[in-house]
Amino acid sequence: MPEMPVIHIVDDDADVRDSLRVLLESAGYRCATYASGSAFLSSVPKAGAACAIVDVRMPGMDGLALMGELRERRIQIPVILATGFGDVPLAVRAMKAGAVDFIEKPCRLAELRDAITRALAIAEKGKRNATEEAEAARRLSRLTRRERDVFERLIVGDANKSIANRLSISARTVEIHRARVMEKLQAKSLPELVRLALAAPAAPDTLGGDQH
């Protein structure tokens, strides 16, 4: 069974937290509540399907500051902002900073469901991307320094002879390294090598073109 997503509710108003929790749990969601952004940051897991509903105006750390901390800590949890009357300009700023959506208080279940559906879809996509990054990094870690040099020239389209000249090795040695790269990375073609490079957490600088 897949793990049930968690909806994190971050609001300094206890009545708002409780009403949101009751509303969402009655609709079948699993919830966790926090009285502040710092309380959320101190306990939120870095893995698992989740999204957060965050009050845009809170004492200490407001919604925008909390989003900044999540980015800084590389915690990829999509954020839905809950705004009061007159907070729309601030919510728009937060949307530009990466919030998934904003909903006006008092929150209605239909709007919440729509926003949560979008947020969890983004979370699932992020999870798949993270898995692909980890797999790409694992494969690339198998390469020796010289094999990595050859790999980085292959993915920008250099021919064996050009790679040999650049690395001051023979074309035959390049062929040997190329075969080892294909084997270690479990790739059957050059396009597969390029896709692997793009999926890696830090793609080689040379991927965008020849660098001199």
N, C-alpha and C. Protein backbone atom coordinates (compact mmCIF):
# COMPACT_ATOMS: atom_id res chain seq x y z
N MET A 1 0.85 -1.19 0.00
CA MET A 1 0.00 0.00 0.00
C MET A 1 0.89 1.25 0.00
N PRO A 2 0.59 2.24 -0.89
CA PRO A 2 1.37 3.47 -0.88
C PRO A 2 1.09 4.26 0.39
N GLU A 3 2.11 5.00 0.84
CA GLU A 3 1.96 5.81 2.04
C GLU A 3 0.96 6.92 1.80
N MET A 4 0.07 7.12 2.77
CA MET A 4 -0.94 8.17 2.65
C MET A 4 -0.28 9.53 2.81
N PRO A 5 -0.55 10.48 1.91
CA PRO A 5 0.06 11.80 2.02
C PRO A 5 -0.33 12.51 3.32
N VAL A 6 0.55 13.40 3.77
CA VAL A 6 0.29 14.19 4.97
C VAL A 6 0.09 15.64 4.56
N ILE A 7 -0.98 16.26 5.07
CA ILE A 7 -1.21 17.67 4.84
C ILE A 7 -0.75 18.41 6.11
N HIS A 8 0.31 19.19 5.99
CA HIS A 8 0.84 19.95 7.12
C HIS A 8 0.14 21.31 7.18
N ILE A 9 -0.42 21.63 8.33
CA ILE A 9 -1.13 22.90 8.51
C ILE A 9 -0.31 23.79 9.45
N VAL A 10 0.13 24.94 8.93
CA VAL A 10 0.99 25.84 9.70
C VAL A 10 0.26 27.17 9.88
N ASP A 11 -0.19 27.44 11.11
CA ASP A 11 -0.94 28.67 11.38
C ASP A 11 -0.82 28.99 12.86
N ASP A 12 -0.59 30.26 13.18
CA ASP A 12 -0.44 30.64 14.59
C ASP A 12 -1.78 30.72 15.32
N ASP A 13 -2.89 30.69 14.60
CA ASP A 13 -4.23 30.74 15.20
C ASP A 13 -4.71 29.32 15.47
N ALA A 14 -4.85 28.96 16.74
CA ALA A 14 -5.24 27.59 17.10
C ALA A 14 -6.60 27.22 16.55
N ASP A 15 -7.56 28.18 16.54
CA ASP A 15 -8.89 27.89 16.03
C ASP A 15 -8.84 27.56 14.53
N VAL A 16 -8.02 28.31 13.79
CA VAL A 16 -7.88 28.05 12.35
C VAL A 16 -7.24 26.68 12.12
N ARG A 17 -6.18 26.39 12.88
CA ARG A 17 -5.52 25.08 12.73
C ARG A 17 -6.51 23.94 12.97
N ASP A 18 -7.26 24.05 14.06
CA ASP A 18 -8.18 22.96 14.42
C ASP A 18 -9.30 22.82 13.40
N SER A 19 -9.84 23.94 12.94
CA SER A 19 -10.95 23.86 11.99
C SER A 19 -10.49 23.28 10.65
N LEU A 20 -9.27 23.67 10.22
CA LEU A 20 -8.73 23.12 8.98
C LEU A 20 -8.48 21.62 9.12
N ARG A 21 -7.93 21.24 10.26
CA ARG A 21 -7.64 19.82 10.49
C ARG A 21 -8.93 19.00 10.48
N VAL A 22 -9.94 19.45 11.19
CA VAL A 22 -11.23 18.72 11.24
C VAL A 22 -11.85 18.64 9.85
N LEU A 23 -11.81 19.75 9.12
CA LEU A 23 -12.38 19.79 7.77
C LEU A 23 -11.69 18.80 6.85
N LEU A 24 -10.36 18.79 6.88
CA LEU A 24 -9.60 17.92 5.97
C LEU A 24 -9.67 16.46 6.40
N GLU A 25 -9.62 16.20 7.72
CA GLU A 25 -9.72 14.81 8.16
C GLU A 25 -11.09 14.22 7.87
N SER A 26 -12.12 15.05 7.92
CA SER A 26 -13.46 14.56 7.57
C SER A 26 -13.56 14.19 6.10
N ALA A 27 -12.66 14.79 5.28
CA ALA A 27 -12.63 14.49 3.84
C ALA A 27 -11.65 13.36 3.53
N GLY A 28 -11.03 12.76 4.58
CA GLY A 28 -10.17 11.60 4.37
C GLY A 28 -8.69 11.89 4.33
N TYR A 29 -8.28 13.13 4.59
CA TYR A 29 -6.86 13.46 4.58
C TYR A 29 -6.22 13.19 5.94
N ARG A 30 -4.91 12.94 5.92
CA ARG A 30 -4.13 12.80 7.15
C ARG A 30 -3.42 14.12 7.40
N CYS A 31 -3.55 14.68 8.59
CA CYS A 31 -3.05 16.02 8.86
C CYS A 31 -2.07 16.06 10.03
N ALA A 32 -1.22 17.08 10.00
CA ALA A 32 -0.35 17.42 11.13
C ALA A 32 -0.40 18.93 11.26
N THR A 33 -0.43 19.44 12.50
CA THR A 33 -0.57 20.88 12.70
C THR A 33 0.63 21.46 13.46
N TYR A 34 0.90 22.76 13.18
CA TYR A 34 2.04 23.45 13.78
C TYR A 34 1.63 24.89 14.07
N ALA A 35 2.08 25.42 15.20
CA ALA A 35 1.71 26.77 15.61
C ALA A 35 2.62 27.84 15.03
N SER A 36 3.71 27.44 14.39
CA SER A 36 4.66 28.41 13.82
C SER A 36 5.49 27.77 12.73
N GLY A 37 6.14 28.62 11.94
CA GLY A 37 7.02 28.11 10.91
C GLY A 37 8.21 27.37 11.49
N SER A 38 8.74 27.86 12.60
CA SER A 38 9.90 27.19 13.21
C SER A 38 9.52 25.82 13.75
N ALA A 39 8.30 25.69 14.31
CA ALA A 39 7.85 24.38 14.80
C ALA A 39 7.72 23.39 13.64
N PHE A 40 7.25 23.87 12.52
CA PHE A 40 7.13 23.03 11.31
C PHE A 40 8.52 22.58 10.86
N LEU A 41 9.46 23.51 10.77
CA LEU A 41 10.80 23.18 10.29
C LEU A 41 11.52 22.19 11.21
N SER A 42 11.23 22.26 12.49
CA SER A 42 11.94 21.41 13.44
C SER A 42 11.47 19.97 13.42
N SER A 43 10.30 19.71 12.82
CA SER A 43 9.76 18.35 12.89
C SER A 43 9.36 17.76 11.55
N VAL A 44 9.33 18.56 10.49
CA VAL A 44 8.86 18.04 9.21
C VAL A 44 9.87 17.07 8.61
N PRO A 45 9.43 15.91 8.14
CA PRO A 45 10.37 14.98 7.50
C PRO A 45 10.75 15.47 6.11
N LYS A 46 11.94 15.05 5.65
CA LYS A 46 12.41 15.47 4.33
C LYS A 46 11.94 14.53 3.22
N ALA A 47 11.25 13.46 3.60
CA ALA A 47 10.79 12.49 2.60
C ALA A 47 9.32 12.17 2.86
N GLY A 48 8.68 11.57 1.86
CA GLY A 48 7.29 11.19 2.00
C GLY A 48 6.39 12.14 1.25
N ALA A 49 5.22 11.63 0.83
CA ALA A 49 4.26 12.44 0.09
C ALA A 49 3.61 13.43 1.03
N ALA A 50 3.66 14.71 0.69
CA ALA A 50 3.13 15.74 1.59
C ALA A 50 2.99 17.06 0.86
N CYS A 51 2.19 17.94 1.47
CA CYS A 51 2.16 19.34 1.09
C CYS A 51 1.85 20.13 2.35
N ALA A 52 1.98 21.44 2.28
CA ALA A 52 1.77 22.28 3.45
C ALA A 52 0.80 23.41 3.13
N ILE A 53 -0.12 23.66 4.05
CA ILE A 53 -1.00 24.82 3.99
C ILE A 53 -0.47 25.80 5.03
N VAL A 54 -0.01 26.95 4.57
CA VAL A 54 0.73 27.88 5.43
C VAL A 54 0.05 29.24 5.46
N ASP A 55 -0.17 29.75 6.68
CA ASP A 55 -0.71 31.10 6.83
C ASP A 55 0.33 32.10 6.33
N VAL A 56 -0.10 33.04 5.51
CA VAL A 56 0.86 33.96 4.92
C VAL A 56 1.37 34.97 5.95
N ARG A 57 0.55 35.31 6.95
CA ARG A 57 0.96 36.27 7.98
C ARG A 57 1.03 35.58 9.33
N MET A 58 2.24 35.39 9.83
CA MET A 58 2.45 34.81 11.16
C MET A 58 3.53 35.61 11.86
N PRO A 59 3.46 35.75 13.18
CA PRO A 59 4.54 36.44 13.90
C PRO A 59 5.83 35.65 13.81
N GLY A 60 6.94 36.37 13.78
CA GLY A 60 8.23 35.69 13.68
C GLY A 60 8.55 35.34 12.24
N MET A 61 8.21 34.13 11.86
CA MET A 61 8.47 33.65 10.50
C MET A 61 7.16 33.60 9.72
N ASP A 62 6.98 34.49 8.75
CA ASP A 62 5.75 34.46 7.96
C ASP A 62 5.85 33.43 6.85
N GLY A 63 4.80 33.35 6.04
CA GLY A 63 4.75 32.33 5.00
C GLY A 63 5.89 32.42 4.00
N LEU A 64 6.22 33.65 3.58
CA LEU A 64 7.31 33.84 2.62
C LEU A 64 8.65 33.41 3.21
N ALA A 65 8.88 33.79 4.46
CA ALA A 65 10.14 33.41 5.11
C ALA A 65 10.24 31.90 5.27
N LEU A 66 9.12 31.26 5.59
CA LEU A 66 9.11 29.81 5.72
C LEU A 66 9.44 29.14 4.40
N MET A 67 8.87 29.65 3.31
CA MET A 67 9.19 29.10 1.99
C MET A 67 10.67 29.24 1.68
N GLY A 68 11.26 30.38 2.07
CA GLY A 68 12.68 30.58 1.85
C GLY A 68 13.52 29.58 2.63
N GLU A 69 13.11 29.29 3.87
CA GLU A 69 13.83 28.31 4.68
C GLU A 69 13.72 26.90 4.09
N LEU A 70 12.55 26.57 3.58
CA LEU A 70 12.37 25.26 2.95
C LEU A 70 13.31 25.10 1.76
N ARG A 71 13.41 26.16 0.95
CA ARG A 71 14.33 26.12 -0.19
C ARG A 71 15.77 25.99 0.28
N GLU A 72 16.13 26.77 1.29
CA GLU A 72 17.50 26.76 1.81
C GLU A 72 17.88 25.37 2.32
N ARG A 73 16.94 24.69 2.95
CA ARG A 73 17.20 23.37 3.52
C ARG A 73 16.93 22.23 2.53
N ARG A 74 16.52 22.61 1.32
CA ARG A 74 16.22 21.64 0.26
C ARG A 74 15.14 20.65 0.68
N ILE A 75 14.15 21.16 1.37
CA ILE A 75 12.97 20.37 1.73
C ILE A 75 11.91 20.65 0.68
N GLN A 76 11.64 19.67 -0.16
CA GLN A 76 10.77 19.89 -1.31
C GLN A 76 9.32 19.52 -0.96
N ILE A 77 8.67 20.42 -0.25
CA ILE A 77 7.27 20.25 0.09
C ILE A 77 6.49 21.39 -0.55
N PRO A 78 5.58 21.10 -1.47
CA PRO A 78 4.79 22.16 -2.09
C PRO A 78 3.97 22.92 -1.04
N VAL A 79 3.90 24.24 -1.21
CA VAL A 79 3.23 25.10 -0.23
C VAL A 79 1.99 25.74 -0.84
N ILE A 80 0.87 25.64 -0.10
CA ILE A 80 -0.36 26.36 -0.41
C ILE A 80 -0.49 27.45 0.65
N LEU A 81 -0.65 28.68 0.22
CA LEU A 81 -0.76 29.78 1.19
C LEU A 81 -2.22 30.06 1.52
N ALA A 82 -2.49 30.25 2.81
CA ALA A 82 -3.81 30.66 3.27
C ALA A 82 -3.74 32.14 3.60
N THR A 83 -4.61 32.93 2.98
CA THR A 83 -4.54 34.39 3.12
C THR A 83 -5.83 34.95 3.68
N GLY A 84 -5.69 36.03 4.43
CA GLY A 84 -6.84 36.78 4.90
C GLY A 84 -7.18 37.89 3.93
N PHE A 85 -8.26 38.58 4.22
CA PHE A 85 -8.68 39.69 3.36
C PHE A 85 -7.56 40.73 3.30
N GLY A 86 -7.23 41.18 2.10
CA GLY A 86 -6.19 42.19 1.94
C GLY A 86 -4.80 41.64 1.78
N ASP A 87 -4.65 40.31 1.88
CA ASP A 87 -3.32 39.70 1.76
C ASP A 87 -3.00 39.23 0.34
N VAL A 88 -3.90 39.47 -0.59
CA VAL A 88 -3.71 38.94 -1.95
C VAL A 88 -2.41 39.43 -2.59
N PRO A 89 -2.04 40.73 -2.49
CA PRO A 89 -0.76 41.14 -3.08
C PRO A 89 0.42 40.35 -2.52
N LEU A 90 0.41 40.09 -1.21
CA LEU A 90 1.47 39.31 -0.59
C LEU A 90 1.45 37.87 -1.10
N ALA A 91 0.23 37.33 -1.27
CA ALA A 91 0.10 35.96 -1.79
C ALA A 91 0.63 35.86 -3.21
N VAL A 92 0.39 36.90 -4.01
CA VAL A 92 0.89 36.90 -5.39
C VAL A 92 2.41 36.89 -5.39
N ARG A 93 3.02 37.66 -4.47
CA ARG A 93 4.48 37.64 -4.34
C ARG A 93 4.96 36.23 -4.00
N ALA A 94 4.23 35.57 -3.11
CA ALA A 94 4.61 34.21 -2.72
C ALA A 94 4.45 33.23 -3.86
N MET A 95 3.41 33.42 -4.67
CA MET A 95 3.23 32.56 -5.84
C MET A 95 4.43 32.70 -6.78
N LYS A 96 4.88 33.94 -6.97
CA LYS A 96 6.05 34.17 -7.81
C LYS A 96 7.30 33.54 -7.21
N ALA A 97 7.30 33.38 -5.87
CA ALA A 97 8.44 32.76 -5.19
C ALA A 97 8.34 31.24 -5.15
N GLY A 98 7.24 30.69 -5.70
CA GLY A 98 7.16 29.24 -5.80
C GLY A 98 6.00 28.56 -5.12
N ALA A 99 5.10 29.32 -4.47
CA ALA A 99 3.93 28.69 -3.86
C ALA A 99 3.05 28.06 -4.94
N VAL A 100 2.43 26.95 -4.62
CA VAL A 100 1.58 26.25 -5.59
C VAL A 100 0.29 27.02 -5.84
N ASP A 101 -0.29 27.56 -4.77
CA ASP A 101 -1.59 28.21 -4.88
C ASP A 101 -1.81 29.05 -3.63
N PHE A 102 -2.84 29.89 -3.66
CA PHE A 102 -3.26 30.53 -2.42
C PHE A 102 -4.78 30.48 -2.33
N ILE A 103 -5.25 30.32 -1.11
CA ILE A 103 -6.68 30.24 -0.86
C ILE A 103 -7.02 31.27 0.21
N GLU A 104 -8.20 31.87 0.07
CA GLU A 104 -8.62 32.90 1.01
C GLU A 104 -9.39 32.28 2.17
N LYS A 105 -9.14 32.83 3.36
CA LYS A 105 -9.88 32.40 4.54
C LYS A 105 -11.24 33.11 4.57
N PRO A 106 -12.30 32.46 5.08
CA PRO A 106 -12.33 31.06 5.56
C PRO A 106 -12.24 30.09 4.38
N CYS A 107 -11.44 29.05 4.55
CA CYS A 107 -11.16 28.11 3.46
C CYS A 107 -12.36 27.19 3.21
N ARG A 108 -12.67 27.01 1.93
CA ARG A 108 -13.76 26.10 1.55
C ARG A 108 -13.17 24.77 1.10
N LEU A 109 -13.86 23.69 1.41
CA LEU A 109 -13.33 22.36 1.14
C LEU A 109 -13.04 22.14 -0.33
N ALA A 110 -13.92 22.59 -1.22
CA ALA A 110 -13.72 22.37 -2.66
C ALA A 110 -12.43 23.03 -3.13
N GLU A 111 -12.18 24.26 -2.67
CA GLU A 111 -10.94 24.96 -3.05
C GLU A 111 -9.73 24.26 -2.46
N LEU A 112 -9.86 23.83 -1.20
CA LEU A 112 -8.76 23.12 -0.57
C LEU A 112 -8.42 21.86 -1.33
N ARG A 113 -9.44 21.09 -1.70
CA ARG A 113 -9.20 19.83 -2.43
C ARG A 113 -8.47 20.08 -3.74
N ASP A 114 -8.92 21.09 -4.49
CA ASP A 114 -8.28 21.41 -5.77
C ASP A 114 -6.81 21.78 -5.56
N ALA A 115 -6.56 22.63 -4.58
CA ALA A 115 -5.18 23.08 -4.32
C ALA A 115 -4.31 21.92 -3.85
N ILE A 116 -4.86 21.07 -2.97
CA ILE A 116 -4.11 19.93 -2.45
C ILE A 116 -3.80 18.94 -3.56
N THR A 117 -4.76 18.71 -4.45
CA THR A 117 -4.53 17.80 -5.58
C THR A 117 -3.36 18.28 -6.43
N ARG A 118 -3.34 19.59 -6.73
CA ARG A 118 -2.23 20.15 -7.52
C ARG A 118 -0.91 20.03 -6.77
N ALA A 119 -0.95 20.33 -5.47
CA ALA A 119 0.29 20.29 -4.69
C ALA A 119 0.85 18.88 -4.60
N LEU A 120 -0.02 17.89 -4.37
CA LEU A 120 0.47 16.51 -4.25
C LEU A 120 0.97 15.98 -5.58
N ALA A 121 0.37 16.45 -6.69
CA ALA A 121 0.88 16.05 -8.01
C ALA A 121 2.29 16.59 -8.21
N ILE A 122 2.53 17.82 -7.77
CA ILE A 122 3.87 18.41 -7.85
C ILE A 122 4.84 17.65 -6.96
N ALA A 123 4.36 17.26 -5.75
CA ALA A 123 5.21 16.50 -4.83
C ALA A 123 5.60 15.16 -5.43
N GLU A 124 4.66 14.49 -6.09
CA GLU A 124 4.94 13.19 -6.70
C GLU A 124 5.95 13.33 -7.83
N LYS A 125 5.79 14.39 -8.63
CA LYS A 125 6.75 14.62 -9.71
C LYS A 125 8.14 14.89 -9.14
N GLY A 126 8.20 15.67 -8.05
CA GLY A 126 9.49 15.94 -7.41
C GLY A 126 10.12 14.69 -6.87
N LYS A 127 9.29 13.79 -6.33
CA LYS A 127 9.80 12.52 -5.81
C LYS A 127 10.40 11.67 -6.92
N ARG A 128 9.70 11.63 -8.08
CA ARG A 128 10.24 10.87 -9.22
C ARG A 128 11.54 11.47 -9.70
N ASN A 129 11.60 12.82 -9.76
CA ASN A 129 12.83 13.48 -10.20
C ASN A 129 13.98 13.19 -9.24
N ALA A 130 13.69 13.18 -7.94
CA ALA A 130 14.73 12.89 -6.94
C ALA A 130 15.23 11.47 -7.09
N THR A 131 14.32 10.54 -7.40
CA THR A 131 14.72 9.14 -7.59
C THR A 131 15.61 9.01 -8.82
N GLU A 132 15.25 9.71 -9.89
CA GLU A 132 16.05 9.68 -11.12
C GLU A 132 17.43 10.30 -10.87
N GLU A 133 17.47 11.39 -10.10
CA GLU A 133 18.75 12.03 -9.78
C GLU A 133 19.65 11.08 -9.00
N ALA A 134 19.06 10.41 -8.02
CA ALA A 134 19.84 9.49 -7.18
C ALA A 134 20.40 8.34 -8.00
N GLU A 135 19.58 7.81 -8.92
CA GLU A 135 20.03 6.70 -9.76
C GLU A 135 21.13 7.17 -10.72
N ALA A 136 20.97 8.36 -11.30
CA ALA A 136 21.99 8.89 -12.20
C ALA A 136 23.30 9.12 -11.45
N ALA A 137 23.21 9.68 -10.25
CA ALA A 137 24.42 9.92 -9.44
C ALA A 137 25.10 8.61 -9.08
N ARG A 138 24.30 7.59 -8.77
CA ARG A 138 24.86 6.29 -8.41
C ARG A 138 25.64 5.70 -9.58
N ARG A 139 25.08 5.78 -10.76
CA ARG A 139 25.76 5.22 -11.94
C ARG A 139 27.04 6.01 -12.25
N LEU A 140 26.93 7.33 -12.21
CA LEU A 140 28.10 8.16 -12.55
C LEU A 140 29.23 7.96 -11.56
N SER A 141 28.91 7.63 -10.34
CA SER A 141 29.95 7.43 -9.32
C SER A 141 30.83 6.22 -9.63
N ARG A 142 30.38 5.36 -10.55
CA ARG A 142 31.16 4.18 -10.91
C ARG A 142 32.35 4.54 -11.81
N LEU A 143 32.30 5.70 -12.44
CA LEU A 143 33.33 6.06 -13.43
C LEU A 143 34.62 6.51 -12.76
N THR A 144 35.73 6.13 -13.37
CA THR A 144 37.02 6.68 -12.95
C THR A 144 37.12 8.12 -13.46
N ARG A 145 38.14 8.84 -13.01
CA ARG A 145 38.32 10.22 -13.45
C ARG A 145 38.49 10.30 -14.96
N ARG A 146 39.28 9.39 -15.53
CA ARG A 146 39.49 9.42 -16.98
C ARG A 146 38.21 9.04 -17.73
N GLU A 147 37.48 8.05 -17.22
CA GLU A 147 36.21 7.68 -17.85
C GLU A 147 35.22 8.84 -17.79
N ARG A 148 35.26 9.58 -16.69
CA ARG A 148 34.38 10.75 -16.58
C ARG A 148 34.76 11.81 -17.60
N ASP A 149 36.09 12.00 -17.82
CA ASP A 149 36.55 12.94 -18.84
C ASP A 149 36.00 12.56 -20.21
N VAL A 150 36.09 11.28 -20.55
CA VAL A 150 35.60 10.80 -21.84
C VAL A 150 34.08 10.98 -21.92
N PHE A 151 33.39 10.63 -20.86
CA PHE A 151 31.93 10.77 -20.80
C PHE A 151 31.51 12.22 -21.07
N GLU A 152 32.20 13.17 -20.43
CA GLU A 152 31.83 14.58 -20.57
C GLU A 152 32.05 15.09 -22.00
N ARG A 153 33.00 14.50 -22.72
CA ARG A 153 33.21 14.89 -24.12
C ARG A 153 32.22 14.18 -25.05
N LEU A 154 31.86 12.95 -24.70
CA LEU A 154 30.90 12.21 -25.52
C LEU A 154 29.55 12.91 -25.56
N ILE A 155 29.09 13.41 -24.40
CA ILE A 155 27.74 13.96 -24.35
C ILE A 155 27.61 15.33 -25.02
N VAL A 156 28.75 15.93 -25.41
CA VAL A 156 28.65 17.16 -26.21
C VAL A 156 28.94 16.87 -27.67
N GLY A 157 29.07 15.59 -28.00
CA GLY A 157 29.16 15.21 -29.41
C GLY A 157 30.56 15.10 -29.99
N ASP A 158 31.60 15.13 -29.15
CA ASP A 158 32.96 14.99 -29.68
C ASP A 158 33.20 13.58 -30.22
N ALA A 159 33.88 13.51 -31.36
CA ALA A 159 34.26 12.22 -31.93
C ALA A 159 35.46 11.66 -31.17
N ASN A 160 35.71 10.37 -31.35
CA ASN A 160 36.81 9.72 -30.63
C ASN A 160 38.15 10.42 -30.87
N LYS A 161 38.40 10.78 -32.12
CA LYS A 161 39.68 11.42 -32.45
C LYS A 161 39.82 12.77 -31.74
N SER A 162 38.74 13.53 -31.71
CA SER A 162 38.75 14.82 -31.03
C SER A 162 38.99 14.65 -29.53
N ILE A 163 38.36 13.64 -28.96
CA ILE A 163 38.55 13.37 -27.53
C ILE A 163 39.99 12.97 -27.26
N ALA A 164 40.54 12.14 -28.14
CA ALA A 164 41.93 11.70 -27.99
C ALA A 164 42.88 12.89 -28.00
N ASN A 165 42.66 13.80 -28.94
CA ASN A 165 43.53 14.97 -29.02
C ASN A 165 43.40 15.86 -27.78
N ARG A 166 42.18 16.05 -27.33
CA ARG A 166 41.94 16.91 -26.17
C ARG A 166 42.56 16.34 -24.90
N LEU A 167 42.45 15.00 -24.75
CA LEU A 167 42.92 14.36 -23.52
C LEU A 167 44.35 13.83 -23.63
N SER A 168 44.95 14.01 -24.81
CA SER A 168 46.33 13.55 -25.06
C SER A 168 46.47 12.05 -24.81
N ILE A 169 45.52 11.31 -25.37
CA ILE A 169 45.57 9.85 -25.34
C ILE A 169 45.28 9.33 -26.73
N SER A 170 45.47 8.03 -26.96
CA SER A 170 45.25 7.48 -28.30
C SER A 170 43.76 7.26 -28.54
N ALA A 171 43.40 7.21 -29.82
CA ALA A 171 42.01 6.95 -30.18
C ALA A 171 41.58 5.57 -29.68
N ARG A 172 42.50 4.62 -29.69
CA ARG A 172 42.19 3.27 -29.20
C ARG A 172 41.87 3.31 -27.71
N THR A 173 42.61 4.12 -26.96
CA THR A 173 42.35 4.25 -25.53
C THR A 173 40.97 4.88 -25.30
N VAL A 174 40.62 5.85 -26.13
CA VAL A 174 39.29 6.45 -26.03
C VAL A 174 38.21 5.40 -26.26
N GLU A 175 38.41 4.54 -27.26
CA GLU A 175 37.44 3.48 -27.55
C GLU A 175 37.25 2.56 -26.34
N ILE A 176 38.36 2.23 -25.70
CA ILE A 176 38.29 1.36 -24.52
C ILE A 176 37.51 2.05 -23.40
N HIS A 177 37.85 3.33 -23.15
CA HIS A 177 37.14 4.08 -22.11
C HIS A 177 35.66 4.23 -22.46
N ARG A 178 35.39 4.47 -23.73
CA ARG A 178 34.00 4.63 -24.17
C ARG A 178 33.20 3.37 -23.90
N ALA A 179 33.78 2.23 -24.21
CA ALA A 179 33.09 0.96 -23.97
C ALA A 179 32.83 0.75 -22.49
N ARG A 180 33.80 1.12 -21.66
CA ARG A 180 33.63 0.98 -20.20
C ARG A 180 32.56 1.93 -19.67
N VAL A 181 32.54 3.14 -20.23
CA VAL A 181 31.51 4.11 -19.83
C VAL A 181 30.13 3.57 -20.14
N MET A 182 29.94 3.05 -21.35
CA MET A 182 28.64 2.51 -21.75
C MET A 182 28.23 1.35 -20.85
N GLU A 183 29.20 0.51 -20.52
CA GLU A 183 28.92 -0.66 -19.68
C GLU A 183 28.57 -0.24 -18.26
N LYS A 184 29.38 0.62 -17.67
CA LYS A 184 29.15 1.03 -16.28
C LYS A 184 27.86 1.82 -16.11
N LEU A 185 27.52 2.62 -17.11
CA LEU A 185 26.32 3.44 -17.02
C LEU A 185 25.08 2.72 -17.55
N GLN A 186 25.28 1.51 -18.01
CA GLN A 186 24.17 0.68 -18.52
C GLN A 186 23.42 1.42 -19.64
N ALA A 187 24.19 2.03 -20.52
CA ALA A 187 23.62 2.78 -21.64
C ALA A 187 23.90 2.06 -22.94
N LYS A 188 22.92 2.07 -23.83
CA LYS A 188 23.08 1.40 -25.13
C LYS A 188 23.34 2.38 -26.27
N SER A 189 23.20 3.67 -25.99
CA SER A 189 23.36 4.65 -27.06
C SER A 189 23.82 5.99 -26.48
N LEU A 190 24.26 6.88 -27.35
CA LEU A 190 24.67 8.22 -26.94
C LEU A 190 23.50 9.01 -26.36
N PRO A 191 22.29 8.95 -26.98
CA PRO A 191 21.15 9.66 -26.36
C PRO A 191 20.89 9.23 -24.92
N GLU A 192 21.11 7.96 -24.62
CA GLU A 192 20.92 7.49 -23.24
C GLU A 192 21.94 8.14 -22.32
N LEU A 193 23.17 8.32 -22.81
CA LEU A 193 24.19 8.99 -22.00
C LEU A 193 23.79 10.44 -21.72
N VAL A 194 23.24 11.11 -22.73
CA VAL A 194 22.83 12.50 -22.56
C VAL A 194 21.69 12.60 -21.56
N ARG A 195 20.71 11.70 -21.66
CA ARG A 195 19.59 11.72 -20.71
C ARG A 195 20.09 11.50 -19.28
N LEU A 196 21.07 10.61 -19.14
CA LEU A 196 21.63 10.35 -17.82
C LEU A 196 22.33 11.59 -17.27
N ALA A 197 23.06 12.28 -18.14
CA ALA A 197 23.76 13.50 -17.72
C ALA A 197 22.77 14.57 -17.28
N LEU A 198 21.65 14.70 -18.00
CA LEU A 198 20.64 15.69 -17.66
C LEU A 198 19.93 15.37 -16.35
N ALA A 199 19.81 14.07 -16.06
CA ALA A 199 19.13 13.65 -14.83
C ALA A 199 20.00 13.80 -13.60
N ALA A 200 21.31 13.86 -13.78
CA ALA A 200 22.24 13.92 -12.65
C ALA A 200 22.06 15.20 -11.87
N PRO A 201 22.27 15.19 -10.54
CA PRO A 201 22.09 16.38 -9.71
C PRO A 201 22.93 17.57 -10.17
N ALA A 202 24.15 17.31 -10.63
CA ALA A 202 25.02 18.38 -11.14
C ALA A 202 25.55 17.93 -12.48
N ALA A 203 24.80 18.26 -13.55
CA ALA A 203 25.21 17.87 -14.88
C ALA A 203 26.53 18.52 -15.24
N PRO A 204 27.37 17.86 -16.03
CA PRO A 204 28.66 18.44 -16.41
C PRO A 204 28.49 19.82 -17.05
N ASP A 205 29.41 20.72 -16.73
CA ASP A 205 29.34 22.08 -17.30
C ASP A 205 29.39 22.06 -18.82
N THR A 206 29.99 21.02 -19.37
CA THR A 206 30.18 20.98 -20.82
C THR A 206 28.92 20.58 -21.56
N LEU A 207 27.86 20.22 -20.82
CA LEU A 207 26.66 19.72 -21.48
C LEU A 207 26.03 20.74 -22.40
N GLY A 208 26.16 22.01 -22.04
CA GLY A 208 25.54 23.03 -22.87
C GLY A 208 26.34 23.38 -24.11
N GLY A 209 27.52 22.87 -24.27
CA GLY A 209 28.31 23.19 -25.43
C GLY A 209 29.79 23.13 -25.12
N ASP A 210 30.60 23.28 -26.14
CA ASP A 210 32.04 23.20 -25.96
C ASP A 210 32.53 24.38 -25.15
N GLN A 211 33.38 24.10 -24.18
CA GLN A 211 33.92 25.16 -23.34
C GLN A 211 35.43 25.28 -23.59
N HIS A 212 35.89 26.47 -23.76
CA HIS A 212 37.32 26.71 -23.99
C HIS A 212 37.83 27.64 -22.92
